[in-house]
Amino acid sequence: MILEKLRNEVLETARALAGYGLVWMAGGTAAARDPESGWVAMTPSGLAYDGLHAADIVLVDIDGNLVEGHYKPSCASELWLRFFRRRPDLNAIVHTHSCYATAFAVAGQNMPVITETQADWFGEPIRSAPYAHVEDEAFLNAPLEALGNGFGVLLGRHGVLTFGKDLHDALERAVTLEEAAKTYAMACLLGKPHIFTEDEARRSFDFYHHRYGQEQKG
């Protein structure tokens, strides 16, 4: 099997999304690019993760041509590939339907930086892209513009996308974003939440990625 290790990692990440309660049944997506070949492994369209094997993870080239696999790739595969083409620094994507973060997408609101952990992983607010059906051209363009140089974007009335240099980072960002959104909802019950300023968020991000822990995170 081509890129067996990467395809196993994609499957494990997809199952972790369900384990964290960020997706259910066949919802969501995990996708990762192999830095050497440029090929992308992604979950197949419409199949629940608990019944899949590594060989079921679809492998395509950066233009969407099938390299190996017997299922159709994610129905939004062209969007994932556009992200990879636009951002060579990112090699992993996870797509979730997590409840609290998706609420911002439903409201059409950008998600502010709410907690220090969120600041550590994102360094800026998460922008919300306007709604577009998956078959519309706008679906392939608006999320890229909303992402900019960030690490997450909200799909209008749909869900959440988070990104990373690898699947671990993309997954941790997805979990962090949902926990921050949940915390924000609870804080609103207590009063007006205090939000990170732009400088505070960037400082926290810079510290976490360059000076925190045992070695530089890059």
N, C-alpha and C. Protein backbone atom coordinates (compact mmCIF):
# COMPACT_ATOMS: atom_id res chain seq x y z
N MET A 1 0.85 -1.20 0.00
CA MET A 1 0.00 0.00 0.00
C MET A 1 0.88 1.25 0.00
N ILE A 2 0.56 2.21 -0.84
CA ILE A 2 1.33 3.45 -0.93
C ILE A 2 1.03 4.33 0.27
N LEU A 3 2.08 4.89 0.88
CA LEU A 3 1.98 5.80 2.02
C LEU A 3 1.09 5.21 3.13
N GLU A 4 1.39 3.99 3.50
CA GLU A 4 0.57 3.29 4.50
C GLU A 4 0.58 4.03 5.85
N LYS A 5 1.74 4.50 6.27
CA LYS A 5 1.82 5.18 7.56
C LYS A 5 0.96 6.43 7.58
N LEU A 6 1.04 7.24 6.56
CA LEU A 6 0.24 8.46 6.49
C LEU A 6 -1.25 8.14 6.47
N ARG A 7 -1.64 7.12 5.73
CA ARG A 7 -3.06 6.78 5.64
C ARG A 7 -3.58 6.25 6.97
N ASN A 8 -2.73 5.53 7.70
CA ASN A 8 -3.12 5.11 9.05
C ASN A 8 -3.30 6.32 9.96
N GLU A 9 -2.42 7.29 9.84
CA GLU A 9 -2.53 8.49 10.66
C GLU A 9 -3.81 9.27 10.35
N VAL A 10 -4.18 9.34 9.08
CA VAL A 10 -5.42 10.01 8.70
C VAL A 10 -6.62 9.29 9.32
N LEU A 11 -6.63 7.97 9.25
CA LEU A 11 -7.73 7.20 9.83
C LEU A 11 -7.79 7.38 11.34
N GLU A 12 -6.64 7.32 12.00
CA GLU A 12 -6.62 7.51 13.45
C GLU A 12 -7.12 8.89 13.85
N THR A 13 -6.75 9.89 13.06
CA THR A 13 -7.21 11.26 13.35
C THR A 13 -8.71 11.37 13.16
N ALA A 14 -9.23 10.78 12.09
CA ALA A 14 -10.68 10.81 11.85
C ALA A 14 -11.43 10.16 13.01
N ARG A 15 -10.93 9.03 13.49
CA ARG A 15 -11.56 8.38 14.63
C ARG A 15 -11.45 9.21 15.89
N ALA A 16 -10.33 9.93 16.04
CA ALA A 16 -10.16 10.80 17.20
C ALA A 16 -11.18 11.94 17.18
N LEU A 17 -11.51 12.45 15.99
CA LEU A 17 -12.52 13.50 15.89
C LEU A 17 -13.84 13.02 16.48
N ALA A 18 -14.20 11.79 16.15
CA ALA A 18 -15.42 11.23 16.72
C ALA A 18 -15.27 11.02 18.22
N GLY A 19 -14.10 10.57 18.65
CA GLY A 19 -13.86 10.33 20.06
C GLY A 19 -13.97 11.60 20.90
N TYR A 20 -13.57 12.72 20.34
CA TYR A 20 -13.68 14.00 21.04
C TYR A 20 -15.06 14.64 20.89
N GLY A 21 -15.96 13.97 20.18
CA GLY A 21 -17.31 14.50 20.01
C GLY A 21 -17.40 15.65 19.03
N LEU A 22 -16.42 15.76 18.11
CA LEU A 22 -16.40 16.86 17.15
C LEU A 22 -17.14 16.52 15.86
N VAL A 23 -17.33 15.23 15.60
CA VAL A 23 -18.10 14.74 14.45
C VAL A 23 -18.89 13.52 14.90
N TRP A 24 -19.78 13.07 14.05
CA TRP A 24 -20.52 11.84 14.33
C TRP A 24 -20.84 11.15 13.00
N MET A 25 -21.05 9.85 13.07
CA MET A 25 -21.33 9.03 11.88
C MET A 25 -20.26 9.29 10.82
N ALA A 26 -20.68 9.71 9.60
CA ALA A 26 -19.72 9.91 8.50
C ALA A 26 -19.35 11.37 8.33
N GLY A 27 -19.65 12.20 9.34
CA GLY A 27 -19.39 13.63 9.20
C GLY A 27 -17.91 13.97 9.33
N GLY A 28 -17.56 15.14 8.81
CA GLY A 28 -16.20 15.64 8.96
C GLY A 28 -15.21 15.02 7.99
N THR A 29 -13.96 15.46 8.12
CA THR A 29 -12.89 15.02 7.22
C THR A 29 -11.55 15.11 7.93
N ALA A 30 -10.66 14.21 7.57
CA ALA A 30 -9.24 14.37 7.91
C ALA A 30 -8.45 14.18 6.63
N ALA A 31 -7.47 15.03 6.42
CA ALA A 31 -6.65 14.95 5.21
C ALA A 31 -5.24 15.39 5.54
N ALA A 32 -4.26 14.76 4.89
CA ALA A 32 -2.86 15.10 5.14
C ALA A 32 -2.06 14.97 3.85
N ARG A 33 -1.11 15.87 3.67
CA ARG A 33 -0.24 15.87 2.51
C ARG A 33 1.12 15.27 2.89
N ASP A 34 1.63 14.40 2.04
CA ASP A 34 2.97 13.87 2.20
C ASP A 34 3.95 14.91 1.65
N PRO A 35 4.83 15.46 2.49
CA PRO A 35 5.71 16.53 2.04
C PRO A 35 6.63 16.14 0.88
N GLU A 36 6.99 14.88 0.79
CA GLU A 36 7.94 14.47 -0.25
C GLU A 36 7.27 14.32 -1.62
N SER A 37 6.19 13.56 -1.68
CA SER A 37 5.53 13.33 -2.96
C SER A 37 4.52 14.42 -3.31
N GLY A 38 4.00 15.11 -2.29
CA GLY A 38 2.93 16.07 -2.52
C GLY A 38 1.56 15.43 -2.60
N TRP A 39 1.49 14.09 -2.51
CA TRP A 39 0.20 13.41 -2.55
C TRP A 39 -0.57 13.63 -1.25
N VAL A 40 -1.89 13.56 -1.37
CA VAL A 40 -2.77 13.85 -0.24
C VAL A 40 -3.63 12.63 0.08
N ALA A 41 -3.62 12.23 1.35
CA ALA A 41 -4.47 11.15 1.83
C ALA A 41 -5.66 11.76 2.55
N MET A 42 -6.86 11.29 2.24
CA MET A 42 -8.05 11.86 2.87
C MET A 42 -9.12 10.80 3.07
N THR A 43 -10.00 11.06 4.00
CA THR A 43 -11.11 10.14 4.28
C THR A 43 -12.06 10.10 3.09
N PRO A 44 -12.68 8.94 2.84
CA PRO A 44 -13.63 8.82 1.73
C PRO A 44 -14.96 9.50 2.05
N SER A 45 -15.72 9.76 1.04
CA SER A 45 -16.99 10.46 1.18
C SER A 45 -18.09 9.53 1.71
N GLY A 46 -18.77 9.97 2.77
CA GLY A 46 -20.01 9.33 3.21
C GLY A 46 -19.87 8.02 3.94
N LEU A 47 -18.69 7.69 4.47
CA LEU A 47 -18.50 6.42 5.17
C LEU A 47 -18.10 6.67 6.61
N ALA A 48 -18.75 5.95 7.54
CA ALA A 48 -18.42 6.08 8.95
C ALA A 48 -17.01 5.56 9.20
N TYR A 49 -16.28 6.22 10.09
CA TYR A 49 -14.87 5.91 10.29
C TYR A 49 -14.61 4.60 11.02
N ASP A 50 -15.55 4.18 11.86
CA ASP A 50 -15.28 3.00 12.69
C ASP A 50 -15.21 1.71 11.87
N GLY A 51 -15.71 1.73 10.64
CA GLY A 51 -15.64 0.54 9.81
C GLY A 51 -14.56 0.58 8.75
N LEU A 52 -13.74 1.63 8.76
CA LEU A 52 -12.72 1.80 7.72
C LEU A 52 -11.39 1.17 8.11
N HIS A 53 -10.58 0.90 7.09
CA HIS A 53 -9.21 0.45 7.26
C HIS A 53 -8.30 1.44 6.52
N ALA A 54 -7.00 1.35 6.76
CA ALA A 54 -6.07 2.28 6.14
C ALA A 54 -6.18 2.26 4.61
N ALA A 55 -6.43 1.09 4.03
CA ALA A 55 -6.54 0.97 2.58
C ALA A 55 -7.76 1.71 2.03
N ASP A 56 -8.72 2.04 2.91
CA ASP A 56 -9.92 2.76 2.48
C ASP A 56 -9.68 4.26 2.39
N ILE A 57 -8.59 4.73 2.97
CA ILE A 57 -8.24 6.15 2.88
C ILE A 57 -7.76 6.43 1.46
N VAL A 58 -8.35 7.42 0.83
CA VAL A 58 -8.11 7.69 -0.59
C VAL A 58 -6.84 8.53 -0.74
N LEU A 59 -6.04 8.18 -1.73
CA LEU A 59 -4.80 8.90 -2.01
C LEU A 59 -4.91 9.55 -3.39
N VAL A 60 -4.72 10.88 -3.42
CA VAL A 60 -4.80 11.62 -4.68
C VAL A 60 -3.56 12.51 -4.82
N ASP A 61 -3.31 12.97 -6.05
CA ASP A 61 -2.25 13.95 -6.22
C ASP A 61 -2.82 15.34 -5.95
N ILE A 62 -1.99 16.37 -6.01
CA ILE A 62 -2.41 17.70 -5.62
C ILE A 62 -3.45 18.28 -6.57
N ASP A 63 -3.60 17.69 -7.76
CA ASP A 63 -4.63 18.12 -8.72
C ASP A 63 -5.90 17.29 -8.62
N GLY A 64 -5.94 16.34 -7.69
CA GLY A 64 -7.15 15.54 -7.48
C GLY A 64 -7.20 14.25 -8.26
N ASN A 65 -6.14 13.90 -8.98
CA ASN A 65 -6.12 12.64 -9.71
C ASN A 65 -5.89 11.47 -8.75
N LEU A 66 -6.63 10.40 -8.93
CA LEU A 66 -6.52 9.26 -8.04
C LEU A 66 -5.16 8.59 -8.17
N VAL A 67 -4.50 8.39 -7.03
CA VAL A 67 -3.24 7.64 -6.98
C VAL A 67 -3.51 6.21 -6.54
N GLU A 68 -4.29 6.06 -5.47
CA GLU A 68 -4.66 4.73 -4.98
C GLU A 68 -5.88 4.85 -4.09
N GLY A 69 -6.77 3.87 -4.20
CA GLY A 69 -7.99 3.86 -3.38
C GLY A 69 -9.16 3.36 -4.18
N HIS A 70 -10.16 2.79 -3.50
CA HIS A 70 -11.31 2.23 -4.20
C HIS A 70 -12.61 2.95 -3.86
N TYR A 71 -12.52 4.06 -3.10
CA TYR A 71 -13.70 4.87 -2.80
C TYR A 71 -13.52 6.28 -3.35
N LYS A 72 -14.63 7.01 -3.45
CA LYS A 72 -14.57 8.42 -3.80
C LYS A 72 -13.99 9.20 -2.62
N PRO A 73 -13.15 10.20 -2.89
CA PRO A 73 -12.63 11.01 -1.78
C PRO A 73 -13.70 11.91 -1.19
N SER A 74 -13.37 12.58 -0.14
CA SER A 74 -14.26 13.56 0.48
C SER A 74 -14.94 14.42 -0.57
N CYS A 75 -16.23 14.70 -0.36
CA CYS A 75 -16.98 15.47 -1.36
C CYS A 75 -16.46 16.89 -1.51
N ALA A 76 -15.70 17.36 -0.54
CA ALA A 76 -15.11 18.70 -0.62
C ALA A 76 -13.61 18.61 -0.93
N SER A 77 -13.19 17.54 -1.58
CA SER A 77 -11.76 17.32 -1.81
C SER A 77 -11.10 18.46 -2.57
N GLU A 78 -11.79 19.07 -3.51
CA GLU A 78 -11.19 20.16 -4.27
C GLU A 78 -10.87 21.35 -3.36
N LEU A 79 -11.71 21.60 -2.36
CA LEU A 79 -11.42 22.68 -1.41
C LEU A 79 -10.18 22.35 -0.60
N TRP A 80 -10.09 21.11 -0.11
CA TRP A 80 -8.91 20.73 0.67
C TRP A 80 -7.64 20.90 -0.16
N LEU A 81 -7.70 20.49 -1.42
CA LEU A 81 -6.52 20.60 -2.28
C LEU A 81 -6.16 22.05 -2.57
N ARG A 82 -7.17 22.90 -2.68
CA ARG A 82 -6.89 24.32 -2.89
C ARG A 82 -6.18 24.91 -1.67
N PHE A 83 -6.60 24.51 -0.48
CA PHE A 83 -5.91 24.96 0.72
C PHE A 83 -4.45 24.54 0.69
N PHE A 84 -4.19 23.29 0.34
CA PHE A 84 -2.81 22.81 0.31
C PHE A 84 -1.99 23.55 -0.74
N ARG A 85 -2.59 23.84 -1.89
CA ARG A 85 -1.86 24.58 -2.93
C ARG A 85 -1.57 26.00 -2.48
N ARG A 86 -2.51 26.61 -1.75
CA ARG A 86 -2.35 27.99 -1.30
C ARG A 86 -1.36 28.11 -0.15
N ARG A 87 -1.32 27.09 0.72
CA ARG A 87 -0.52 27.18 1.94
C ARG A 87 0.50 26.04 2.01
N PRO A 88 1.67 26.20 1.42
CA PRO A 88 2.69 25.14 1.46
C PRO A 88 3.21 24.85 2.86
N ASP A 89 2.94 25.75 3.82
CA ASP A 89 3.40 25.54 5.19
C ASP A 89 2.49 24.59 5.97
N LEU A 90 1.33 24.26 5.42
CA LEU A 90 0.36 23.41 6.09
C LEU A 90 0.26 22.06 5.39
N ASN A 91 0.31 20.99 6.16
CA ASN A 91 0.23 19.65 5.58
C ASN A 91 -0.93 18.82 6.12
N ALA A 92 -1.82 19.44 6.90
CA ALA A 92 -2.93 18.67 7.47
C ALA A 92 -4.16 19.55 7.66
N ILE A 93 -5.31 18.94 7.45
CA ILE A 93 -6.61 19.60 7.61
C ILE A 93 -7.54 18.66 8.37
N VAL A 94 -8.29 19.21 9.31
CA VAL A 94 -9.42 18.47 9.85
C VAL A 94 -10.66 19.36 9.74
N HIS A 95 -11.76 18.73 9.41
CA HIS A 95 -13.05 19.41 9.27
C HIS A 95 -14.02 18.79 10.26
N THR A 96 -14.62 19.62 11.10
CA THR A 96 -15.55 19.13 12.11
C THR A 96 -16.89 19.85 12.02
N HIS A 97 -17.85 19.31 12.76
CA HIS A 97 -19.16 19.95 12.93
C HIS A 97 -19.39 20.24 14.41
N SER A 98 -18.32 20.53 15.14
CA SER A 98 -18.42 20.71 16.58
C SER A 98 -19.42 21.82 16.93
N CYS A 99 -20.23 21.56 17.92
CA CYS A 99 -21.44 22.34 18.19
C CYS A 99 -21.16 23.80 18.49
N TYR A 100 -20.33 24.08 19.47
CA TYR A 100 -20.16 25.46 19.94
C TYR A 100 -19.43 26.32 18.92
N ALA A 101 -18.39 25.80 18.30
CA ALA A 101 -17.69 26.58 17.28
C ALA A 101 -18.57 26.77 16.05
N THR A 102 -19.34 25.74 15.69
CA THR A 102 -20.23 25.86 14.54
C THR A 102 -21.30 26.92 14.78
N ALA A 103 -21.66 27.16 16.05
CA ALA A 103 -22.65 28.19 16.36
C ALA A 103 -22.20 29.55 15.85
N PHE A 104 -20.89 29.82 15.92
CA PHE A 104 -20.38 31.08 15.36
C PHE A 104 -20.58 31.11 13.85
N ALA A 105 -20.36 29.97 13.19
CA ALA A 105 -20.55 29.89 11.74
C ALA A 105 -22.01 30.09 11.36
N VAL A 106 -22.92 29.56 12.18
CA VAL A 106 -24.36 29.71 11.93
C VAL A 106 -24.78 31.17 12.12
N ALA A 107 -24.17 31.83 13.10
CA ALA A 107 -24.48 33.23 13.35
C ALA A 107 -23.76 34.16 12.38
N GLY A 108 -22.83 33.60 11.59
CA GLY A 108 -22.07 34.43 10.66
C GLY A 108 -21.12 35.37 11.37
N GLN A 109 -20.61 34.95 12.52
CA GLN A 109 -19.72 35.79 13.32
C GLN A 109 -18.31 35.23 13.36
N ASN A 110 -17.34 36.12 13.33
CA ASN A 110 -15.96 35.70 13.57
C ASN A 110 -15.84 35.29 15.04
N MET A 111 -14.98 34.33 15.31
CA MET A 111 -14.79 33.88 16.68
C MET A 111 -13.58 34.59 17.28
N PRO A 112 -13.78 35.39 18.33
CA PRO A 112 -12.64 36.10 18.92
C PRO A 112 -11.71 35.16 19.65
N VAL A 113 -10.53 35.66 20.00
CA VAL A 113 -9.60 34.88 20.81
C VAL A 113 -10.06 35.01 22.27
N ILE A 114 -10.44 33.89 22.85
CA ILE A 114 -11.15 33.88 24.13
C ILE A 114 -10.26 33.40 25.27
N THR A 115 -9.46 32.36 25.03
CA THR A 115 -8.61 31.79 26.07
C THR A 115 -7.16 31.85 25.64
N GLU A 116 -6.26 31.74 26.62
CA GLU A 116 -4.84 31.75 26.29
C GLU A 116 -4.44 30.54 25.46
N THR A 117 -5.07 29.39 25.73
CA THR A 117 -4.77 28.20 24.93
C THR A 117 -5.15 28.43 23.47
N GLN A 118 -6.30 29.07 23.25
CA GLN A 118 -6.69 29.39 21.88
C GLN A 118 -5.68 30.35 21.26
N ALA A 119 -5.23 31.34 22.03
CA ALA A 119 -4.22 32.28 21.53
C ALA A 119 -2.93 31.55 21.17
N ASP A 120 -2.55 30.57 22.01
CA ASP A 120 -1.34 29.79 21.75
C ASP A 120 -1.39 29.11 20.39
N TRP A 121 -2.55 28.58 20.05
CA TRP A 121 -2.66 27.76 18.83
C TRP A 121 -3.06 28.54 17.58
N PHE A 122 -3.72 29.69 17.77
CA PHE A 122 -4.21 30.42 16.60
C PHE A 122 -3.60 31.81 16.44
N GLY A 123 -3.42 32.53 17.53
CA GLY A 123 -2.79 33.84 17.46
C GLY A 123 -3.63 34.94 16.87
N GLU A 124 -4.85 34.63 16.47
CA GLU A 124 -5.74 35.63 15.89
C GLU A 124 -7.16 35.07 15.88
N PRO A 125 -8.17 35.95 15.68
CA PRO A 125 -9.55 35.46 15.61
C PRO A 125 -9.75 34.50 14.44
N ILE A 126 -10.79 33.69 14.54
CA ILE A 126 -11.15 32.76 13.47
C ILE A 126 -12.26 33.40 12.65
N ARG A 127 -11.99 33.62 11.39
CA ARG A 127 -12.97 34.30 10.55
C ARG A 127 -14.01 33.33 10.01
N SER A 128 -15.21 33.87 9.81
CA SER A 128 -16.33 33.08 9.31
C SER A 128 -16.56 33.40 7.83
N ALA A 129 -16.51 32.37 7.00
CA ALA A 129 -16.77 32.54 5.57
C ALA A 129 -18.28 32.50 5.32
N PRO A 130 -18.78 33.26 4.36
CA PRO A 130 -20.22 33.22 4.06
C PRO A 130 -20.64 31.85 3.56
N TYR A 131 -21.91 31.54 3.75
CA TYR A 131 -22.43 30.23 3.33
C TYR A 131 -22.38 30.07 1.82
N ALA A 132 -22.02 28.88 1.38
CA ALA A 132 -22.12 28.48 -0.03
C ALA A 132 -22.30 26.98 -0.06
N HIS A 133 -23.12 26.50 -0.97
CA HIS A 133 -23.31 25.06 -1.13
C HIS A 133 -22.02 24.43 -1.65
N VAL A 134 -21.80 23.17 -1.28
CA VAL A 134 -20.55 22.49 -1.63
C VAL A 134 -20.34 22.41 -3.14
N GLU A 135 -21.40 22.52 -3.94
CA GLU A 135 -21.26 22.45 -5.40
C GLU A 135 -21.10 23.83 -6.04
N ASP A 136 -21.13 24.89 -5.23
CA ASP A 136 -21.00 26.25 -5.77
C ASP A 136 -19.53 26.66 -5.83
N GLU A 137 -19.19 27.50 -6.81
CA GLU A 137 -17.82 27.98 -6.93
C GLU A 137 -17.40 28.78 -5.70
N ALA A 138 -18.35 29.50 -5.11
CA ALA A 138 -18.03 30.30 -3.92
C ALA A 138 -17.53 29.44 -2.78
N PHE A 139 -17.97 28.18 -2.72
CA PHE A 139 -17.53 27.27 -1.67
C PHE A 139 -16.03 27.01 -1.77
N LEU A 140 -15.49 27.13 -2.98
CA LEU A 140 -14.07 26.85 -3.20
C LEU A 140 -13.19 28.09 -3.03
N ASN A 141 -13.82 29.26 -2.89
CA ASN A 141 -13.04 30.49 -2.82
C ASN A 141 -13.16 31.22 -1.49
N ALA A 142 -14.39 31.38 -1.00
CA ALA A 142 -14.61 32.18 0.21
C ALA A 142 -13.84 31.65 1.42
N PRO A 143 -13.80 30.33 1.68
CA PRO A 143 -13.05 29.86 2.84
C PRO A 143 -11.55 30.15 2.75
N LEU A 144 -10.97 30.10 1.55
CA LEU A 144 -9.55 30.41 1.39
C LEU A 144 -9.28 31.86 1.74
N GLU A 145 -10.17 32.76 1.30
CA GLU A 145 -9.99 34.16 1.61
C GLU A 145 -10.15 34.42 3.09
N ALA A 146 -11.09 33.72 3.72
CA ALA A 146 -11.32 33.90 5.16
C ALA A 146 -10.14 33.38 5.97
N LEU A 147 -9.50 32.31 5.51
CA LEU A 147 -8.36 31.75 6.25
C LEU A 147 -7.17 32.69 6.26
N GLY A 148 -6.85 33.27 5.12
CA GLY A 148 -5.68 34.14 5.04
C GLY A 148 -4.43 33.39 5.44
N ASN A 149 -3.71 33.94 6.41
CA ASN A 149 -2.49 33.30 6.92
C ASN A 149 -2.74 32.59 8.25
N GLY A 150 -4.01 32.39 8.60
CA GLY A 150 -4.35 31.80 9.88
C GLY A 150 -4.32 30.28 9.87
N PHE A 151 -4.94 29.70 10.93
CA PHE A 151 -4.91 28.25 11.11
C PHE A 151 -6.31 27.67 11.33
N GLY A 152 -7.33 28.47 11.09
CA GLY A 152 -8.69 27.97 11.23
C GLY A 152 -9.66 28.87 10.51
N VAL A 153 -10.76 28.31 10.09
CA VAL A 153 -11.81 29.09 9.42
C VAL A 153 -13.15 28.42 9.69
N LEU A 154 -14.20 29.23 9.76
CA LEU A 154 -15.56 28.74 9.96
C LEU A 154 -16.28 28.73 8.62
N LEU A 155 -16.92 27.63 8.30
CA LEU A 155 -17.71 27.51 7.07
C LEU A 155 -19.14 27.91 7.39
N GLY A 156 -19.61 28.96 6.77
CA GLY A 156 -20.93 29.50 7.08
C GLY A 156 -22.03 28.46 7.11
N ARG A 157 -22.75 28.42 8.25
CA ARG A 157 -23.88 27.50 8.45
C ARG A 157 -23.50 26.03 8.26
N HIS A 158 -22.22 25.72 8.48
CA HIS A 158 -21.79 24.34 8.21
C HIS A 158 -20.90 23.77 9.32
N GLY A 159 -19.71 24.34 9.49
CA GLY A 159 -18.79 23.72 10.44
C GLY A 159 -17.47 24.44 10.54
N VAL A 160 -16.43 23.68 10.86
CA VAL A 160 -15.14 24.24 11.24
C VAL A 160 -14.02 23.55 10.46
N LEU A 161 -13.00 24.32 10.11
CA LEU A 161 -11.77 23.78 9.53
C LEU A 161 -10.60 24.26 10.36
N THR A 162 -9.71 23.33 10.71
CA THR A 162 -8.46 23.71 11.37
C THR A 162 -7.30 23.06 10.63
N PHE A 163 -6.12 23.67 10.75
CA PHE A 163 -4.98 23.29 9.94
C PHE A 163 -3.73 23.17 10.81
N GLY A 164 -2.74 22.46 10.30
CA GLY A 164 -1.48 22.35 11.02
C GLY A 164 -0.38 21.86 10.11
N LYS A 165 0.84 21.90 10.64
CA LYS A 165 1.97 21.36 9.88
C LYS A 165 1.87 19.84 9.79
N ASP A 166 1.09 19.24 10.73
CA ASP A 166 0.83 17.81 10.71
C ASP A 166 -0.55 17.55 11.32
N LEU A 167 -0.97 16.29 11.31
CA LEU A 167 -2.31 15.96 11.79
C LEU A 167 -2.48 16.22 13.29
N HIS A 168 -1.42 16.02 14.06
CA HIS A 168 -1.51 16.29 15.49
C HIS A 168 -1.88 17.75 15.75
N ASP A 169 -1.20 18.66 15.07
CA ASP A 169 -1.48 20.08 15.27
C ASP A 169 -2.88 20.45 14.80
N ALA A 170 -3.30 19.93 13.66
CA ALA A 170 -4.64 20.23 13.15
C ALA A 170 -5.71 19.72 14.11
N LEU A 171 -5.50 18.52 14.66
CA LEU A 171 -6.46 17.94 15.61
C LEU A 171 -6.49 18.75 16.90
N GLU A 172 -5.32 19.10 17.43
CA GLU A 172 -5.30 19.87 18.68
C GLU A 172 -5.96 21.22 18.49
N ARG A 173 -5.79 21.82 17.34
CA ARG A 173 -6.46 23.10 17.08
C ARG A 173 -7.99 22.91 17.05
N ALA A 174 -8.46 21.82 16.48
CA ALA A 174 -9.91 21.57 16.43
C ALA A 174 -10.48 21.41 17.84
N VAL A 175 -9.80 20.64 18.68
CA VAL A 175 -10.24 20.44 20.06
C VAL A 175 -10.19 21.75 20.83
N THR A 176 -9.09 22.49 20.68
CA THR A 176 -8.92 23.75 21.38
C THR A 176 -9.99 24.76 21.00
N LEU A 177 -10.31 24.83 19.71
CA LEU A 177 -11.30 25.79 19.25
C LEU A 177 -12.68 25.49 19.82
N GLU A 178 -13.06 24.23 19.85
CA GLU A 178 -14.37 23.86 20.39
C GLU A 178 -14.44 24.15 21.89
N GLU A 179 -13.37 23.85 22.62
CA GLU A 179 -13.37 24.13 24.06
C GLU A 179 -13.43 25.63 24.33
N ALA A 180 -12.75 26.42 23.51
CA ALA A 180 -12.80 27.87 23.67
C ALA A 180 -14.20 28.41 23.39
N ALA A 181 -14.84 27.89 22.35
CA ALA A 181 -16.20 28.33 22.02
C ALA A 181 -17.18 27.97 23.12
N LYS A 182 -17.01 26.79 23.70
CA LYS A 182 -17.87 26.37 24.81
C LYS A 182 -17.64 27.28 26.03
N THR A 183 -16.38 27.59 26.31
CA THR A 183 -16.06 28.47 27.43
C THR A 183 -16.67 29.85 27.22
N TYR A 184 -16.63 30.34 25.99
CA TYR A 184 -17.21 31.64 25.68
C TYR A 184 -18.71 31.65 25.95
N ALA A 185 -19.39 30.59 25.54
CA ALA A 185 -20.83 30.51 25.77
C ALA A 185 -21.15 30.54 27.26
N MET A 186 -20.36 29.83 28.05
CA MET A 186 -20.57 29.83 29.50
C MET A 186 -20.24 31.18 30.12
N ALA A 187 -19.16 31.82 29.62
CA ALA A 187 -18.78 33.12 30.15
C ALA A 187 -19.85 34.18 29.87
N CYS A 188 -20.54 34.04 28.74
CA CYS A 188 -21.61 34.99 28.40
C CYS A 188 -22.75 34.92 29.41
N LEU A 189 -22.94 33.77 30.04
CA LEU A 189 -23.97 33.65 31.07
C LEU A 189 -23.60 34.41 32.34
N LEU A 190 -22.29 34.61 32.54
CA LEU A 190 -21.81 35.29 33.73
C LEU A 190 -21.68 36.80 33.54
N GLY A 191 -21.57 37.22 32.31
CA GLY A 191 -21.39 38.63 32.02
C GLY A 191 -20.78 38.82 30.65
N LYS A 192 -20.05 39.89 30.46
CA LYS A 192 -19.41 40.17 29.18
C LYS A 192 -17.99 39.60 29.20
N PRO A 193 -17.70 38.61 28.36
CA PRO A 193 -16.36 38.00 28.37
C PRO A 193 -15.27 39.00 27.98
N HIS A 194 -14.09 38.84 28.59
CA HIS A 194 -12.92 39.62 28.21
C HIS A 194 -12.22 38.90 27.06
N ILE A 195 -11.93 39.63 26.00
CA ILE A 195 -11.38 39.06 24.78
C ILE A 195 -9.92 39.50 24.63
N PHE A 196 -9.08 38.64 24.08
CA PHE A 196 -7.68 38.98 23.85
C PHE A 196 -7.58 40.08 22.79
N THR A 197 -6.69 41.03 23.04
CA THR A 197 -6.38 42.01 22.01
C THR A 197 -5.50 41.36 20.95
N GLU A 198 -5.31 42.05 19.83
CA GLU A 198 -4.45 41.52 18.77
C GLU A 198 -3.03 41.30 19.27
N ASP A 199 -2.50 42.27 20.01
CA ASP A 199 -1.14 42.15 20.53
C ASP A 199 -1.01 41.02 21.54
N GLU A 200 -2.00 40.88 22.43
CA GLU A 200 -1.97 39.81 23.42
C GLU A 200 -1.98 38.45 22.76
N ALA A 201 -2.84 38.29 21.73
CA ALA A 201 -2.96 37.00 21.05
C ALA A 201 -1.67 36.64 20.33
N ARG A 202 -1.07 37.61 19.63
CA ARG A 202 0.16 37.33 18.90
C ARG A 202 1.32 37.05 19.85
N ARG A 203 1.36 37.75 20.98
CA ARG A 203 2.43 37.51 21.95
C ARG A 203 2.34 36.09 22.51
N SER A 204 1.13 35.67 22.83
CA SER A 204 0.93 34.32 23.37
C SER A 204 1.32 33.27 22.33
N PHE A 205 0.92 33.49 21.09
CA PHE A 205 1.26 32.57 20.00
C PHE A 205 2.76 32.47 19.82
N ASP A 206 3.43 33.62 19.81
CA ASP A 206 4.88 33.64 19.61
C ASP A 206 5.60 32.92 20.76
N PHE A 207 5.16 33.16 21.98
CA PHE A 207 5.78 32.50 23.13
C PHE A 207 5.61 30.99 23.04
N TYR A 208 4.40 30.54 22.73
CA TYR A 208 4.12 29.11 22.72
C TYR A 208 4.92 28.39 21.64
N HIS A 209 5.09 29.00 20.50
CA HIS A 209 5.74 28.32 19.38
C HIS A 209 7.25 28.53 19.30
N HIS A 210 7.79 29.40 20.14
CA HIS A 210 9.23 29.66 20.06
C HIS A 210 9.98 29.53 21.38
N ARG A 211 9.28 29.63 22.51
CA ARG A 211 10.01 29.60 23.77
C ARG A 211 9.41 28.65 24.81
N TYR A 212 8.23 28.14 24.60
CA TYR A 212 7.58 27.25 25.56
C TYR A 212 8.04 25.81 25.36
N GLY A 213 8.11 25.04 26.45
CA GLY A 213 8.39 23.61 26.35
C GLY A 213 9.86 23.30 26.26
N GLN A 214 10.16 22.08 25.81
CA GLN A 214 11.53 21.57 25.82
C GLN A 214 12.32 21.87 24.58
N GLU A 215 11.62 22.20 23.49
CA GLU A 215 12.32 22.50 22.25
C GLU A 215 11.41 23.36 21.41
N GLN A 216 11.98 24.01 20.42
CA GLN A 216 11.18 24.86 19.54
C GLN A 216 10.20 24.02 18.75
N LYS A 217 8.97 24.56 18.58
CA LYS A 217 7.93 23.84 17.86
C LYS A 217 7.92 24.17 16.38
N GLY A 218 8.63 25.21 15.98
CA GLY A 218 8.70 25.57 14.58
C GLY A 218 7.46 26.25 14.07
